[in-house]
Protein backbone atom coordinates (compact mmCIF):
# COMPACT_ATOMS: atom_id res chain seq x y z
CA UNK A 1 0.00 0.00 0.00
CA UNK A 2 1.26 3.47 -0.86
CA UNK A 3 0.67 7.03 0.28
CA UNK A 4 -1.36 7.56 -2.92
CA UNK A 5 -3.84 4.96 -1.63
CA UNK A 6 -4.33 6.91 1.58
CA UNK A 7 -4.77 10.19 -0.30
CA UNK A 8 -7.31 8.66 -2.67
CA UNK A 9 -9.42 7.60 0.33
CA UNK A 10 -9.05 10.66 2.57
CA UNK A 11 -8.76 13.35 -0.07
CA UNK A 12 -6.12 15.91 -0.84
CA UNK A 13 -7.38 18.82 1.23
CA UNK A 14 -4.41 20.91 2.37
CA UNK A 15 -4.48 23.67 4.96
CA UNK A 16 -1.58 26.10 4.74
CA UNK A 17 -0.47 29.29 6.45
CA UNK A 18 2.14 31.98 5.98
CA UNK A 19 5.05 32.62 8.32
CA UNK A 20 3.56 35.96 9.33
CA UNK A 21 0.31 34.50 10.71
CA UNK A 22 -0.17 34.76 14.47
CA UNK A 23 -0.34 31.68 16.66
CA UNK A 24 -3.81 32.80 17.74
CA UNK A 25 -4.94 32.63 14.09
CA UNK A 26 -3.36 29.20 13.71
CA UNK A 27 -5.07 27.90 16.86
CA UNK A 28 -8.41 29.06 15.47
CA UNK A 29 -7.73 27.31 12.16
CA UNK A 30 -6.58 24.08 13.81
CA UNK A 31 -9.70 24.00 16.01
CA UNK A 32 -12.07 24.98 13.21
CA UNK A 33 -10.68 22.42 10.76
CA UNK A 34 -10.14 19.74 13.45
CA UNK A 35 -6.54 19.16 12.39
CA UNK A 36 -3.31 18.81 14.34
CA UNK A 37 -0.82 20.59 12.10
CA UNK A 38 -0.60 23.18 9.37
CA UNK A 39 1.85 23.39 6.50
CA UNK A 40 3.67 26.71 6.19
CA UNK A 41 4.26 27.87 2.63
CA UNK A 42 5.79 30.86 0.91
CA UNK A 43 4.15 32.96 -1.80
CA UNK A 44 5.19 30.44 -4.46
CA UNK A 45 3.54 27.59 -2.54
CA UNK A 46 6.81 25.96 -1.50
CA UNK A 47 6.99 24.36 1.93
CA UNK A 48 9.02 26.42 4.40
CA UNK A 49 7.87 24.73 7.60
CA UNK A 50 5.22 22.90 9.57
CA UNK A 51 3.52 23.94 12.79
CA UNK A 52 1.82 21.39 15.02
CA UNK A 53 -0.25 21.48 18.17
CA UNK A 54 2.81 20.17 20.00
CA UNK A 55 4.87 23.15 18.86
CA UNK A 56 2.22 25.49 20.23
CA UNK A 57 1.90 23.63 23.54
CA UNK A 58 5.67 23.68 24.06
CA UNK A 59 5.73 27.42 23.45
CA UNK A 60 2.81 28.00 25.84
CA UNK A 61 4.66 26.00 28.50
CA UNK A 62 7.78 28.09 27.99
CA UNK A 63 6.22 31.54 27.45
CA UNK A 64 2.70 31.37 28.86
CA UNK A 65 -0.02 33.39 27.14
CA UNK A 66 2.63 35.43 25.31
CA UNK A 67 3.08 32.41 23.02
CA UNK A 68 -0.23 33.27 21.37
CA UNK A 69 1.17 36.60 20.20
CA UNK A 70 4.13 35.03 18.42
CA UNK A 71 4.19 34.39 14.68
CA UNK A 72 4.28 31.08 12.89
CA UNK A 73 7.89 31.79 11.86
CA UNK A 74 8.93 31.87 15.51
CA UNK A 75 7.50 28.44 16.37
CA UNK A 76 7.41 26.35 13.21
CA UNK A 77 9.70 23.45 12.44
CA UNK A 78 11.76 24.47 9.43
CA UNK A 79 13.26 21.10 8.58
CA UNK A 80 10.24 19.33 7.12
CA UNK A 81 10.37 15.68 6.18
CA UNK A 82 8.08 14.83 3.29
CA UNK A 83 6.89 11.73 1.48
CA UNK A 84 5.87 11.10 -2.10
CA UNK A 85 2.64 9.46 -3.26
CA UNK A 86 4.70 6.43 -4.32
CA UNK A 87 6.23 5.80 -0.87
CA UNK A 88 4.98 2.67 0.84
CA UNK A 89 3.27 2.76 4.20
CA UNK A 90 6.04 0.85 5.99
CA UNK A 91 8.53 3.55 5.00
CA UNK A 92 6.18 6.29 6.17
CA UNK A 93 5.59 4.57 9.51
CA UNK A 94 9.34 4.22 10.03
CA UNK A 95 9.96 7.91 9.27
CA UNK A 96 7.16 9.07 11.56
CA UNK A 97 8.27 6.79 14.38
CA UNK A 98 11.95 7.65 14.18
CA UNK A 99 11.23 11.37 13.80
CA UNK A 100 8.55 11.33 16.52
CA UNK A 101 6.06 13.36 14.49
CA UNK A 102 2.48 12.74 13.44
CA UNK A 103 2.03 14.70 10.20
CA UNK A 104 3.84 14.58 6.87
CA UNK A 105 3.34 16.66 3.77
CA UNK A 106 3.06 14.68 0.55
CA UNK A 107 5.08 16.16 -2.28
CA UNK A 108 5.16 15.15 -5.92
CA UNK A 109 8.03 16.76 -7.75
CA UNK A 110 8.10 20.19 -6.16
CA UNK A 111 4.33 20.42 -5.60
CA UNK A 112 2.50 19.90 -2.30
CA UNK A 113 -0.27 17.39 -3.08
CA UNK A 114 -1.55 16.35 0.35
CA UNK A 115 -0.88 15.75 4.02
CA UNK A 116 -1.11 12.47 5.89
CA UNK A 117 -1.20 11.81 9.61
CA UNK A 118 -0.22 8.82 11.70
CA UNK A 119 -3.96 8.29 12.20
CA UNK A 120 -4.42 7.95 8.43
CA UNK A 121 -1.55 5.47 8.26
CA UNK A 122 -2.81 3.36 11.17
CA UNK A 123 -6.38 3.35 9.81
CA UNK A 124 -5.20 2.02 6.45
CA UNK A 125 -2.82 -0.48 8.00
CA UNK A 126 -5.63 -1.90 10.17
CA UNK A 127 -7.93 -2.13 7.14
CA UNK A 128 -5.19 -3.96 5.25
CA UNK A 129 -4.66 -6.43 8.12
CA UNK A 130 -8.41 -7.07 8.37
CA UNK A 131 -8.60 -7.65 4.63
CA UNK A 132 -5.70 -10.12 4.79
CA UNK A 133 -7.32 -11.98 7.71
CA UNK A 134 -10.61 -12.25 5.81
CA UNK A 135 -8.80 -13.60 2.75
CA UNK A 136 -7.11 -16.23 4.95
CA UNK A 137 -10.45 -17.23 6.50
CA UNK A 138 -11.97 -17.55 3.03
CA UNK A 139 -9.02 -19.61 1.82
CA UNK A 140 -9.17 -21.93 4.82
CA UNK A 141 -12.94 -22.35 4.48
CA UNK A 142 -12.61 -23.47 0.85
CA UNK A 143 -9.68 -25.85 1.47
């Protein structure tokens, strides 16, 4: 199973922000859209960072309410690890686990084409395991 399979099921909706947005604005967007991270892009649409709920919580712990007045540029992770639609799920799981992050932008060539979360990956992996188990039950029943 590949990342493209996940995107075909969940869709390719992408929520982005600019580096100049305030953390308050980002919190509103995350809550409104029920998502855990937002991709930060420049005017050309290139990825320049990612900002997650964890980044915001860490800043609130360190700076209190002042964290909400910071900009995305001050809190975002600049070194963004991406995947391609052709990457297999095992590779994605390994990258997410070793990097200890839950969201990955999907890039094809130099274009952002989607975002997947660990929840998306787990959901599809469980569905795959259930499908394999059902195939085994069917095989055994006909033998």
